[in-house]
């Protein structure tokens, strides 16, 4: 099955850190460009970070400083390191990526999301 699987979410206290992972299924040959989005309750989905196939990260101004996107091409996995978390970071975090499957097809996929809750 061609899919992205996020993990690493959970409950964390304000000021804490989490690292999210977005792993490609075995039927995905390669992840090209990728991004993390988040959607808080009652709000629209917003961009958190992007990373090119070459590993160059980019962040909206509102996300700079506390979030770091990275990738491990050998593991076909994209990460989001989140530090100094605040209650307003509470959201479902989604991975989005352009991938090449095992048959050479190019797809744009969303993961199922992982919930991050920042609360004391």
Protein backbone atom coordinates (compact mmCIF):
# COMPACT_ATOMS: atom_id res chain seq x y z
CA UNK A 1 0.00 0.00 0.00
CA UNK A 2 1.29 3.42 -0.93
CA UNK A 3 1.10 5.58 2.16
CA UNK A 4 2.83 7.91 4.57
CA UNK A 5 2.64 7.06 8.24
CA UNK A 6 3.16 9.71 10.90
CA UNK A 7 4.18 8.94 14.46
CA UNK A 8 5.58 10.66 17.51
CA UNK A 9 2.61 12.72 18.63
CA UNK A 10 1.31 12.75 22.15
CA UNK A 11 0.80 14.81 25.27
CA UNK A 12 3.62 17.14 26.27
CA UNK A 13 3.89 19.91 28.83
CA UNK A 14 4.42 23.52 27.76
CA UNK A 15 8.08 24.09 27.07
CA UNK A 16 8.63 20.48 26.12
CA UNK A 17 9.78 18.91 22.87
CA UNK A 18 8.57 16.26 20.47
CA UNK A 19 9.91 14.77 17.29
CA UNK A 20 7.42 13.66 14.68
CA UNK A 21 8.25 11.12 12.01
CA UNK A 22 6.72 10.58 8.57
CA UNK A 23 7.72 7.23 7.16
CA UNK A 24 7.07 5.99 3.66
CA UNK A 25 5.57 2.56 3.14
CA UNK A 26 7.65 -0.09 1.40
CA UNK A 27 5.83 0.50 -1.87
CA UNK A 28 7.28 4.02 -2.01
CA UNK A 29 10.66 4.15 -3.71
CA UNK A 30 11.51 7.74 -2.82
CA UNK A 31 10.13 10.82 -1.08
CA UNK A 32 10.79 13.97 -3.07
CA UNK A 33 9.61 17.32 -1.69
CA UNK A 34 7.81 17.05 1.63
CA UNK A 35 6.05 19.26 4.14
CA UNK A 36 4.44 19.29 7.53
CA UNK A 37 1.07 20.92 8.11
CA UNK A 38 -1.06 21.22 11.19
CA UNK A 39 -4.71 21.75 11.92
CA UNK A 40 -5.94 22.94 15.28
CA UNK A 41 -9.55 22.42 16.37
CA UNK A 42 -11.83 24.85 14.57
CA UNK A 43 -9.03 26.25 12.43
CA UNK A 44 -7.80 25.81 8.90
CA UNK A 45 -4.86 23.62 8.07
CA UNK A 46 -1.62 25.64 8.04
CA UNK A 47 1.86 25.05 6.73
CA UNK A 48 4.56 24.37 9.31
CA UNK A 49 7.63 23.55 7.25
CA UNK A 50 8.81 22.26 3.89
CA UNK A 51 11.89 20.41 2.73
CA UNK A 52 13.15 19.80 -0.77
CA UNK A 53 14.42 16.50 -2.10
CA UNK A 54 17.91 17.90 -1.62
CA UNK A 55 17.28 18.65 2.05
CA UNK A 56 16.75 22.41 1.97
CA UNK A 57 14.24 23.47 4.64
CA UNK A 58 11.91 26.44 4.60
CA UNK A 59 9.46 27.81 7.15
CA UNK A 60 6.69 30.38 7.18
CA UNK A 61 7.71 33.36 9.30
CA UNK A 62 5.25 32.33 12.01
CA UNK A 63 6.96 28.93 12.39
CA UNK A 64 10.60 30.00 12.39
CA UNK A 65 12.67 29.33 15.47
CA UNK A 66 11.02 26.41 17.24
CA UNK A 67 10.45 23.89 14.44
CA UNK A 68 13.07 22.01 12.44
CA UNK A 69 12.29 19.81 9.47
CA UNK A 70 14.80 17.20 8.34
CA UNK A 71 14.97 13.99 6.37
CA UNK A 72 16.79 10.68 6.21
CA UNK A 73 16.69 9.49 2.63
CA UNK A 74 18.13 6.10 3.55
CA UNK A 75 15.12 5.53 5.78
CA UNK A 76 12.68 7.31 3.49
CA UNK A 77 11.55 9.33 6.47
CA UNK A 78 10.90 13.00 7.14
CA UNK A 79 11.04 14.46 10.65
CA UNK A 80 9.72 17.49 12.47
CA UNK A 81 11.53 18.49 15.64
CA UNK A 82 9.39 20.75 17.79
CA UNK A 83 10.88 22.61 20.76
CA UNK A 84 9.56 25.03 23.38
CA UNK A 85 6.06 23.86 22.69
CA UNK A 86 3.12 26.06 23.59
CA UNK A 87 -0.54 25.21 24.16
CA UNK A 88 -1.34 26.92 20.85
CA UNK A 89 0.77 24.29 19.09
CA UNK A 90 -1.91 21.75 19.94
CA UNK A 91 -3.11 20.31 16.64
CA UNK A 92 -3.16 17.31 14.39
CA UNK A 93 0.09 17.34 12.42
CA UNK A 94 0.07 16.00 8.88
CA UNK A 95 2.84 14.98 6.56
CA UNK A 96 2.46 15.77 2.86
CA UNK A 97 4.88 14.62 0.22
CA UNK A 98 5.46 14.04 -3.43
CA UNK A 99 6.62 10.46 -3.77
CA UNK A 100 7.75 8.02 -6.39
CA UNK A 101 6.24 4.58 -5.96
CA UNK A 102 7.84 1.26 -6.80
CA UNK A 103 6.37 1.35 -10.31
CA UNK A 104 7.78 4.79 -11.04
CA UNK A 105 4.52 6.62 -10.55
CA UNK A 106 4.52 10.11 -9.05
CA UNK A 107 1.97 10.76 -6.36
CA UNK A 108 1.12 13.47 -3.84
CA UNK A 109 0.18 11.90 -0.55
CA UNK A 110 -1.11 12.94 2.84
CA UNK A 111 -0.48 10.97 5.99
CA UNK A 112 -3.23 10.16 8.45
CA UNK A 113 -2.09 12.73 10.98
CA UNK A 114 -0.71 12.54 14.48
CA UNK A 115 -2.17 14.44 17.41
CA UNK A 116 0.03 16.74 19.47
CA UNK A 117 -1.44 18.07 22.69
CA UNK A 118 0.46 20.67 24.69
CA UNK A 119 -0.99 20.97 28.15
CA UNK A 120 0.00 20.98 31.78
